[in-house]
Amino acid sequence: MHTHRAYNFKNQHFVGEEGRLIPLLQQAQAEDGYLRTERLQEIHEVSGIPLAHIYGVATFYAQFRLKPVGKFLLRVCHGTACHVSGAVELSQAVEKHLGVPNGETTPDRMFSIETVSCLGCCSLAPAMMINNATFGNLSPSAAVKVVKKFQKGERS
């Protein structure tokens, strides 16, 4: 069970200023790992921002998650360079190996998969990241080998 930890939003410098919602959402997600329904309600109550607007912002920006993610966030780049270099096949291989589609988390909560529009490493196309580690010039089988290393507790 998750321990409830109340946020002290009222003392934050951005309360009362325009553009305060994104920092509030970032703070909540940093503390919980994702945007919990209770936190969104709390942001509404403290800030006065309509709940519908809060959900609109939370679902619009890719940085925010409404569901918990696994221990390892696996992001496959689908930007132009990666796409033409085989990102679709790479994604399919990783999804098949882990048994979950893009946007989902494995039942053991170890891996979450998401496609992104750019990882900023086009010269390594096709590329993926697991948490903050970048892996490039991957074939589908090489990507699965990287995932297997993480599953075994190896990181390099």
N, C-alpha and C. Protein backbone atom coordinates (compact mmCIF):
# COMPACT_ATOMS: atom_id res chain seq x y z
N MET A 1 0.84 -1.19 0.00
CA MET A 1 0.00 0.00 0.00
C MET A 1 0.88 1.23 0.00
N HIS A 2 0.50 2.19 -0.80
CA HIS A 2 1.27 3.43 -0.91
C HIS A 2 0.97 4.34 0.27
N THR A 3 2.00 4.87 0.85
CA THR A 3 1.83 5.80 1.97
C THR A 3 1.46 7.17 1.42
N HIS A 4 0.39 7.72 1.92
CA HIS A 4 -0.05 9.04 1.47
C HIS A 4 0.88 10.10 2.04
N ARG A 5 1.39 10.94 1.18
CA ARG A 5 2.26 12.03 1.61
C ARG A 5 1.71 13.30 1.02
N ALA A 6 1.18 14.14 1.85
CA ALA A 6 0.55 15.36 1.38
C ALA A 6 1.60 16.31 0.82
N TYR A 7 1.25 16.96 -0.26
CA TYR A 7 2.13 17.94 -0.87
C TYR A 7 1.90 19.29 -0.23
N ASN A 8 2.93 20.06 -0.16
CA ASN A 8 2.84 21.40 0.39
C ASN A 8 2.85 22.39 -0.77
N PHE A 9 1.85 22.29 -1.64
CA PHE A 9 1.80 23.12 -2.82
C PHE A 9 1.64 24.60 -2.50
N LYS A 10 0.99 24.93 -1.40
CA LYS A 10 0.70 26.32 -1.09
C LYS A 10 1.96 27.15 -0.90
N ASN A 11 3.04 26.51 -0.48
CA ASN A 11 4.26 27.25 -0.25
C ASN A 11 5.18 27.30 -1.47
N GLN A 12 4.75 26.70 -2.57
CA GLN A 12 5.58 26.70 -3.76
C GLN A 12 5.51 28.06 -4.44
N HIS A 13 6.64 28.47 -4.99
CA HIS A 13 6.71 29.79 -5.60
C HIS A 13 5.85 29.94 -6.84
N PHE A 14 5.46 28.84 -7.47
CA PHE A 14 4.69 28.93 -8.70
C PHE A 14 3.19 28.94 -8.48
N VAL A 15 2.72 28.74 -7.28
CA VAL A 15 1.28 28.81 -7.03
C VAL A 15 0.85 30.26 -7.18
N GLY A 16 -0.23 30.47 -7.93
CA GLY A 16 -0.71 31.83 -8.16
C GLY A 16 -0.13 32.45 -9.41
N GLU A 17 0.84 31.81 -10.02
CA GLU A 17 1.43 32.34 -11.25
C GLU A 17 0.88 31.56 -12.44
N GLU A 18 0.91 32.20 -13.62
CA GLU A 18 0.54 31.49 -14.84
C GLU A 18 1.57 30.38 -15.06
N GLY A 19 1.13 29.31 -15.64
CA GLY A 19 2.05 28.22 -15.92
C GLY A 19 2.40 27.38 -14.71
N ARG A 20 1.61 27.45 -13.67
CA ARG A 20 1.94 26.71 -12.45
C ARG A 20 1.56 25.24 -12.51
N LEU A 21 0.70 24.87 -13.43
CA LEU A 21 0.21 23.49 -13.45
C LEU A 21 1.31 22.49 -13.80
N ILE A 22 2.09 22.75 -14.80
CA ILE A 22 3.12 21.78 -15.20
C ILE A 22 4.11 21.54 -14.07
N PRO A 23 4.63 22.55 -13.39
CA PRO A 23 5.51 22.25 -12.25
C PRO A 23 4.82 21.45 -11.14
N LEU A 24 3.54 21.70 -10.92
CA LEU A 24 2.80 20.93 -9.92
C LEU A 24 2.72 19.46 -10.33
N LEU A 25 2.42 19.22 -11.59
CA LEU A 25 2.34 17.85 -12.09
C LEU A 25 3.71 17.17 -12.05
N GLN A 26 4.76 17.93 -12.41
CA GLN A 26 6.11 17.36 -12.37
C GLN A 26 6.49 16.98 -10.94
N GLN A 27 6.15 17.82 -9.98
CA GLN A 27 6.46 17.53 -8.59
C GLN A 27 5.72 16.27 -8.13
N ALA A 28 4.45 16.17 -8.46
CA ALA A 28 3.65 15.01 -8.05
C ALA A 28 4.21 13.73 -8.68
N GLN A 29 4.56 13.79 -9.96
CA GLN A 29 5.07 12.60 -10.63
C GLN A 29 6.45 12.22 -10.10
N ALA A 30 7.27 13.19 -9.78
CA ALA A 30 8.60 12.90 -9.22
C ALA A 30 8.47 12.17 -7.89
N GLU A 31 7.47 12.53 -7.11
CA GLU A 31 7.29 11.91 -5.80
C GLU A 31 6.67 10.51 -5.89
N ASP A 32 5.70 10.32 -6.79
CA ASP A 32 4.96 9.07 -6.86
C ASP A 32 5.38 8.15 -8.01
N GLY A 33 6.10 8.68 -8.99
CA GLY A 33 6.48 7.89 -10.15
C GLY A 33 5.47 7.98 -11.29
N TYR A 34 4.28 8.44 -10.98
CA TYR A 34 3.23 8.67 -11.98
C TYR A 34 2.21 9.59 -11.32
N LEU A 35 1.21 10.01 -12.10
CA LEU A 35 0.20 10.93 -11.57
C LEU A 35 -0.97 10.14 -11.01
N ARG A 36 -0.99 10.02 -9.70
CA ARG A 36 -2.06 9.30 -9.02
C ARG A 36 -3.33 10.16 -9.01
N THR A 37 -4.47 9.52 -9.10
CA THR A 37 -5.76 10.22 -9.09
C THR A 37 -5.89 11.12 -7.88
N GLU A 38 -5.45 10.62 -6.74
CA GLU A 38 -5.54 11.41 -5.50
C GLU A 38 -4.71 12.69 -5.58
N ARG A 39 -3.57 12.61 -6.24
CA ARG A 39 -2.70 13.80 -6.38
C ARG A 39 -3.34 14.82 -7.31
N LEU A 40 -3.96 14.34 -8.37
CA LEU A 40 -4.61 15.27 -9.29
C LEU A 40 -5.76 15.99 -8.59
N GLN A 41 -6.49 15.27 -7.77
CA GLN A 41 -7.57 15.88 -6.99
C GLN A 41 -7.00 16.91 -6.01
N GLU A 42 -5.89 16.56 -5.39
CA GLU A 42 -5.25 17.48 -4.43
C GLU A 42 -4.77 18.75 -5.13
N ILE A 43 -4.19 18.59 -6.32
CA ILE A 43 -3.75 19.76 -7.09
C ILE A 43 -4.94 20.64 -7.40
N HIS A 44 -6.06 20.03 -7.80
CA HIS A 44 -7.29 20.78 -8.07
C HIS A 44 -7.74 21.56 -6.84
N GLU A 45 -7.79 20.89 -5.69
CA GLU A 45 -8.28 21.53 -4.47
C GLU A 45 -7.39 22.67 -4.01
N VAL A 46 -6.09 22.49 -4.12
CA VAL A 46 -5.15 23.51 -3.63
C VAL A 46 -5.01 24.67 -4.61
N SER A 47 -5.00 24.35 -5.91
CA SER A 47 -4.73 25.40 -6.90
C SER A 47 -5.99 26.06 -7.45
N GLY A 48 -7.13 25.35 -7.37
CA GLY A 48 -8.35 25.89 -7.97
C GLY A 48 -8.43 25.65 -9.47
N ILE A 49 -7.44 24.99 -10.05
CA ILE A 49 -7.46 24.69 -11.48
C ILE A 49 -8.51 23.60 -11.71
N PRO A 50 -9.40 23.79 -12.69
CA PRO A 50 -10.44 22.78 -12.94
C PRO A 50 -9.83 21.40 -13.21
N LEU A 51 -10.43 20.37 -12.64
CA LEU A 51 -9.93 19.02 -12.78
C LEU A 51 -9.86 18.59 -14.25
N ALA A 52 -10.81 19.01 -15.05
CA ALA A 52 -10.80 18.67 -16.47
C ALA A 52 -9.57 19.25 -17.16
N HIS A 53 -9.18 20.46 -16.77
CA HIS A 53 -7.99 21.09 -17.36
C HIS A 53 -6.73 20.34 -16.90
N ILE A 54 -6.68 19.94 -15.65
CA ILE A 54 -5.53 19.19 -15.13
C ILE A 54 -5.36 17.89 -15.91
N TYR A 55 -6.46 17.16 -16.11
CA TYR A 55 -6.39 15.92 -16.88
C TYR A 55 -6.00 16.19 -18.33
N GLY A 56 -6.50 17.29 -18.88
CA GLY A 56 -6.16 17.64 -20.26
C GLY A 56 -4.66 17.85 -20.42
N VAL A 57 -4.05 18.57 -19.51
CA VAL A 57 -2.61 18.81 -19.57
C VAL A 57 -1.85 17.50 -19.31
N ALA A 58 -2.28 16.73 -18.32
CA ALA A 58 -1.59 15.48 -17.98
C ALA A 58 -1.62 14.47 -19.12
N THR A 59 -2.68 14.47 -19.91
CA THR A 59 -2.76 13.52 -21.02
C THR A 59 -2.15 14.07 -22.31
N PHE A 60 -2.01 15.39 -22.40
CA PHE A 60 -1.44 16.00 -23.61
C PHE A 60 0.07 15.81 -23.67
N TYR A 61 0.76 16.04 -22.57
CA TYR A 61 2.22 16.00 -22.55
C TYR A 61 2.73 14.58 -22.28
N ALA A 62 3.63 14.12 -23.17
CA ALA A 62 4.16 12.76 -23.07
C ALA A 62 4.97 12.52 -21.80
N GLN A 63 5.45 13.58 -21.18
CA GLN A 63 6.26 13.39 -19.97
C GLN A 63 5.45 12.88 -18.79
N PHE A 64 4.13 13.03 -18.85
CA PHE A 64 3.30 12.63 -17.72
C PHE A 64 2.69 11.25 -17.94
N ARG A 65 2.60 10.50 -16.84
CA ARG A 65 2.02 9.16 -16.88
C ARG A 65 0.89 9.06 -15.89
N LEU A 66 -0.20 8.43 -16.28
CA LEU A 66 -1.33 8.21 -15.39
C LEU A 66 -1.33 6.79 -14.82
N LYS A 67 -0.37 5.99 -15.27
CA LYS A 67 -0.23 4.62 -14.76
C LYS A 67 1.20 4.44 -14.28
N PRO A 68 1.41 3.59 -13.28
CA PRO A 68 2.79 3.36 -12.83
C PRO A 68 3.62 2.69 -13.91
N VAL A 69 4.90 2.96 -13.91
CA VAL A 69 5.81 2.33 -14.87
C VAL A 69 6.67 1.30 -14.16
N GLY A 70 7.26 0.44 -14.96
CA GLY A 70 8.11 -0.60 -14.41
C GLY A 70 9.44 -0.05 -13.91
N LYS A 71 10.19 -0.92 -13.31
CA LYS A 71 11.52 -0.55 -12.80
C LYS A 71 12.39 -0.03 -13.93
N PHE A 72 12.24 -0.62 -15.11
CA PHE A 72 13.00 -0.20 -16.28
C PHE A 72 12.05 0.37 -17.33
N LEU A 73 12.25 1.62 -17.68
CA LEU A 73 11.47 2.27 -18.73
C LEU A 73 12.24 2.11 -20.03
N LEU A 74 11.70 1.31 -20.93
CA LEU A 74 12.33 1.02 -22.21
C LEU A 74 11.66 1.89 -23.27
N ARG A 75 12.44 2.82 -23.81
CA ARG A 75 11.92 3.72 -24.84
C ARG A 75 12.59 3.41 -26.17
N VAL A 76 11.77 3.14 -27.18
CA VAL A 76 12.28 2.88 -28.52
C VAL A 76 12.02 4.11 -29.36
N CYS A 77 13.08 4.61 -29.98
CA CYS A 77 12.96 5.80 -30.82
C CYS A 77 12.30 5.45 -32.14
N HIS A 78 11.31 6.26 -32.51
CA HIS A 78 10.65 6.11 -33.80
C HIS A 78 10.75 7.39 -34.62
N GLY A 79 11.79 8.19 -34.34
CA GLY A 79 12.05 9.37 -35.16
C GLY A 79 12.41 8.94 -36.57
N THR A 80 12.55 9.90 -37.45
CA THR A 80 12.78 9.59 -38.87
C THR A 80 13.98 8.69 -39.08
N ALA A 81 15.13 9.04 -38.53
CA ALA A 81 16.34 8.23 -38.74
C ALA A 81 16.16 6.82 -38.21
N CYS A 82 15.58 6.69 -37.03
CA CYS A 82 15.37 5.36 -36.46
C CYS A 82 14.30 4.59 -37.22
N HIS A 83 13.25 5.29 -37.62
CA HIS A 83 12.17 4.63 -38.35
C HIS A 83 12.69 3.99 -39.63
N VAL A 84 13.45 4.74 -40.42
CA VAL A 84 13.96 4.20 -41.69
C VAL A 84 15.05 3.16 -41.46
N SER A 85 15.61 3.10 -40.26
CA SER A 85 16.66 2.14 -39.95
C SER A 85 16.14 0.87 -39.27
N GLY A 86 14.82 0.77 -39.08
CA GLY A 86 14.26 -0.47 -38.55
C GLY A 86 13.64 -0.39 -37.17
N ALA A 87 13.21 0.78 -36.74
CA ALA A 87 12.62 0.93 -35.41
C ALA A 87 11.36 0.09 -35.22
N VAL A 88 10.57 -0.06 -36.26
CA VAL A 88 9.33 -0.83 -36.14
C VAL A 88 9.65 -2.29 -35.80
N GLU A 89 10.60 -2.86 -36.51
CA GLU A 89 10.99 -4.25 -36.25
C GLU A 89 11.63 -4.39 -34.87
N LEU A 90 12.40 -3.39 -34.47
CA LEU A 90 13.02 -3.39 -33.15
C LEU A 90 11.94 -3.40 -32.06
N SER A 91 10.96 -2.52 -32.21
CA SER A 91 9.85 -2.47 -31.25
C SER A 91 9.10 -3.79 -31.20
N GLN A 92 8.81 -4.35 -32.36
CA GLN A 92 8.08 -5.61 -32.41
C GLN A 92 8.84 -6.72 -31.69
N ALA A 93 10.16 -6.77 -31.87
CA ALA A 93 10.96 -7.81 -31.23
C ALA A 93 10.96 -7.66 -29.71
N VAL A 94 11.10 -6.44 -29.23
CA VAL A 94 11.11 -6.19 -27.79
C VAL A 94 9.74 -6.48 -27.18
N GLU A 95 8.68 -6.04 -27.86
CA GLU A 95 7.33 -6.29 -27.37
C GLU A 95 7.04 -7.79 -27.32
N LYS A 96 7.46 -8.51 -28.35
CA LYS A 96 7.24 -9.96 -28.38
C LYS A 96 8.02 -10.63 -27.25
N HIS A 97 9.27 -10.23 -27.06
CA HIS A 97 10.09 -10.84 -26.01
C HIS A 97 9.50 -10.61 -24.62
N LEU A 98 9.05 -9.39 -24.36
CA LEU A 98 8.51 -9.06 -23.04
C LEU A 98 7.04 -9.46 -22.89
N GLY A 99 6.37 -9.69 -24.00
CA GLY A 99 4.97 -10.12 -23.95
C GLY A 99 3.98 -9.02 -23.67
N VAL A 100 4.37 -7.77 -23.90
CA VAL A 100 3.44 -6.65 -23.71
C VAL A 100 3.60 -5.66 -24.87
N PRO A 101 2.52 -4.99 -25.25
CA PRO A 101 2.59 -4.03 -26.33
C PRO A 101 3.12 -2.67 -25.85
N ASN A 102 3.39 -1.82 -26.81
CA ASN A 102 3.81 -0.45 -26.54
C ASN A 102 2.81 0.23 -25.60
N GLY A 103 3.34 0.95 -24.63
CA GLY A 103 2.49 1.67 -23.70
C GLY A 103 2.09 0.88 -22.47
N GLU A 104 2.55 -0.36 -22.39
CA GLU A 104 2.16 -1.23 -21.27
C GLU A 104 3.36 -1.61 -20.42
N THR A 105 3.06 -2.19 -19.27
CA THR A 105 4.07 -2.64 -18.32
C THR A 105 3.93 -4.15 -18.13
N THR A 106 5.07 -4.82 -18.02
CA THR A 106 5.04 -6.27 -17.81
C THR A 106 4.35 -6.58 -16.48
N PRO A 107 3.70 -7.75 -16.38
CA PRO A 107 2.99 -8.09 -15.15
C PRO A 107 3.86 -8.05 -13.89
N ASP A 108 5.16 -8.32 -14.03
CA ASP A 108 6.06 -8.27 -12.87
C ASP A 108 6.53 -6.85 -12.55
N ARG A 109 6.05 -5.87 -13.32
CA ARG A 109 6.38 -4.44 -13.15
C ARG A 109 7.87 -4.15 -13.31
N MET A 110 8.56 -4.99 -14.09
CA MET A 110 9.98 -4.76 -14.32
C MET A 110 10.21 -3.84 -15.52
N PHE A 111 9.41 -3.98 -16.59
CA PHE A 111 9.62 -3.21 -17.81
C PHE A 111 8.34 -2.51 -18.25
N SER A 112 8.50 -1.27 -18.66
CA SER A 112 7.44 -0.54 -19.37
C SER A 112 8.02 -0.17 -20.72
N ILE A 113 7.21 -0.32 -21.75
CA ILE A 113 7.67 -0.02 -23.12
C ILE A 113 6.92 1.20 -23.63
N GLU A 114 7.65 2.11 -24.25
CA GLU A 114 6.99 3.21 -24.93
C GLU A 114 7.82 3.64 -26.12
N THR A 115 7.11 4.01 -27.18
CA THR A 115 7.81 4.58 -28.33
C THR A 115 7.85 6.08 -28.14
N VAL A 116 8.92 6.67 -28.62
CA VAL A 116 9.09 8.12 -28.53
C VAL A 116 9.46 8.65 -29.90
N SER A 117 9.21 9.95 -30.10
CA SER A 117 9.50 10.51 -31.41
C SER A 117 10.95 10.84 -31.64
N CYS A 118 11.73 10.99 -30.57
CA CYS A 118 13.16 11.24 -30.75
C CYS A 118 13.87 11.07 -29.42
N LEU A 119 15.01 10.40 -29.47
CA LEU A 119 15.87 10.27 -28.30
C LEU A 119 17.07 11.21 -28.39
N GLY A 120 17.21 11.87 -29.54
CA GLY A 120 18.31 12.81 -29.72
C GLY A 120 19.64 12.15 -30.04
N CYS A 121 19.59 10.95 -30.56
CA CYS A 121 20.84 10.26 -30.93
C CYS A 121 20.67 9.63 -32.31
N CYS A 122 20.34 10.45 -33.28
CA CYS A 122 20.03 9.99 -34.63
C CYS A 122 21.18 9.23 -35.29
N SER A 123 22.42 9.57 -34.94
CA SER A 123 23.56 8.88 -35.54
C SER A 123 23.67 7.43 -35.06
N LEU A 124 22.93 7.06 -34.01
CA LEU A 124 22.93 5.70 -33.49
C LEU A 124 21.72 4.89 -33.95
N ALA A 125 20.98 5.39 -34.92
CA ALA A 125 19.73 4.77 -35.36
C ALA A 125 19.94 3.34 -35.86
N PRO A 126 18.99 2.46 -35.52
CA PRO A 126 17.88 2.64 -34.59
C PRO A 126 18.38 2.52 -33.15
N ALA A 127 17.72 3.27 -32.28
CA ALA A 127 18.18 3.36 -30.89
C ALA A 127 17.04 3.15 -29.91
N MET A 128 17.44 2.77 -28.69
CA MET A 128 16.49 2.67 -27.59
C MET A 128 17.22 3.05 -26.32
N MET A 129 16.44 3.39 -25.32
CA MET A 129 16.99 3.69 -24.01
C MET A 129 16.29 2.80 -22.99
N ILE A 130 17.05 2.38 -21.99
CA ILE A 130 16.47 1.72 -20.83
C ILE A 130 16.88 2.60 -19.66
N ASN A 131 15.88 3.24 -19.06
CA ASN A 131 16.10 4.30 -18.08
C ASN A 131 17.03 5.33 -18.70
N ASN A 132 18.22 5.55 -18.20
CA ASN A 132 19.09 6.59 -18.77
C ASN A 132 20.21 6.04 -19.64
N ALA A 133 20.22 4.73 -19.91
CA ALA A 133 21.25 4.12 -20.74
C ALA A 133 20.77 4.04 -22.18
N THR A 134 21.62 4.51 -23.11
CA THR A 134 21.28 4.53 -24.53
C THR A 134 21.98 3.38 -25.25
N PHE A 135 21.24 2.73 -26.15
CA PHE A 135 21.78 1.63 -26.95
C PHE A 135 21.45 1.92 -28.40
N GLY A 136 22.47 1.87 -29.26
CA GLY A 136 22.25 2.25 -30.65
C GLY A 136 22.74 1.23 -31.64
N ASN A 137 22.44 1.53 -32.91
CA ASN A 137 22.79 0.67 -34.04
C ASN A 137 22.31 -0.76 -33.79
N LEU A 138 21.06 -0.87 -33.35
CA LEU A 138 20.52 -2.15 -32.92
C LEU A 138 19.77 -2.88 -34.02
N SER A 139 19.96 -4.17 -34.05
CA SER A 139 19.09 -5.04 -34.82
C SER A 139 18.02 -5.50 -33.84
N PRO A 140 16.93 -6.07 -34.32
CA PRO A 140 15.93 -6.58 -33.38
C PRO A 140 16.52 -7.61 -32.40
N SER A 141 17.37 -8.50 -32.87
CA SER A 141 17.95 -9.50 -31.97
C SER A 141 18.92 -8.86 -30.97
N ALA A 142 19.66 -7.84 -31.39
CA ALA A 142 20.57 -7.14 -30.46
C ALA A 142 19.77 -6.41 -29.38
N ALA A 143 18.63 -5.85 -29.74
CA ALA A 143 17.79 -5.16 -28.76
C ALA A 143 17.28 -6.15 -27.72
N VAL A 144 16.87 -7.33 -28.16
CA VAL A 144 16.39 -8.36 -27.23
C VAL A 144 17.52 -8.81 -26.32
N LYS A 145 18.74 -8.90 -26.84
CA LYS A 145 19.90 -9.28 -26.00
C LYS A 145 20.13 -8.24 -24.91
N VAL A 146 19.97 -6.96 -25.23
CA VAL A 146 20.13 -5.91 -24.23
C VAL A 146 19.07 -6.09 -23.14
N VAL A 147 17.84 -6.32 -23.53
CA VAL A 147 16.76 -6.51 -22.56
C VAL A 147 17.04 -7.73 -21.68
N LYS A 148 17.52 -8.81 -22.27
CA LYS A 148 17.84 -10.02 -21.50
C LYS A 148 18.91 -9.73 -20.45
N LYS A 149 19.88 -8.90 -20.78
CA LYS A 149 20.92 -8.54 -19.80
C LYS A 149 20.30 -7.82 -18.61
N PHE A 150 19.38 -6.93 -18.88
CA PHE A 150 18.71 -6.22 -17.79
C PHE A 150 17.87 -7.19 -16.97
N GLN A 151 17.25 -8.14 -17.63
CA GLN A 151 16.45 -9.14 -16.91
C GLN A 151 17.32 -10.00 -15.99
N LYS A 152 18.57 -10.23 -16.40
CA LYS A 152 19.49 -11.03 -15.59
C LYS A 152 20.19 -10.19 -14.53
N GLY A 153 19.95 -8.89 -14.51
CA GLY A 153 20.60 -8.03 -13.53
C GLY A 153 21.91 -7.45 -14.02
N GLU A 154 22.25 -7.70 -15.29
CA GLU A 154 23.47 -7.13 -15.87
C GLU A 154 23.12 -5.78 -16.48
N ARG A 155 24.01 -4.83 -16.41
CA ARG A 155 23.72 -3.51 -16.95
C ARG A 155 24.65 -3.09 -18.07
N SER A 156 25.62 -3.90 -18.40
CA SER A 156 26.54 -3.50 -19.47
C SER A 156 26.72 -4.60 -20.48
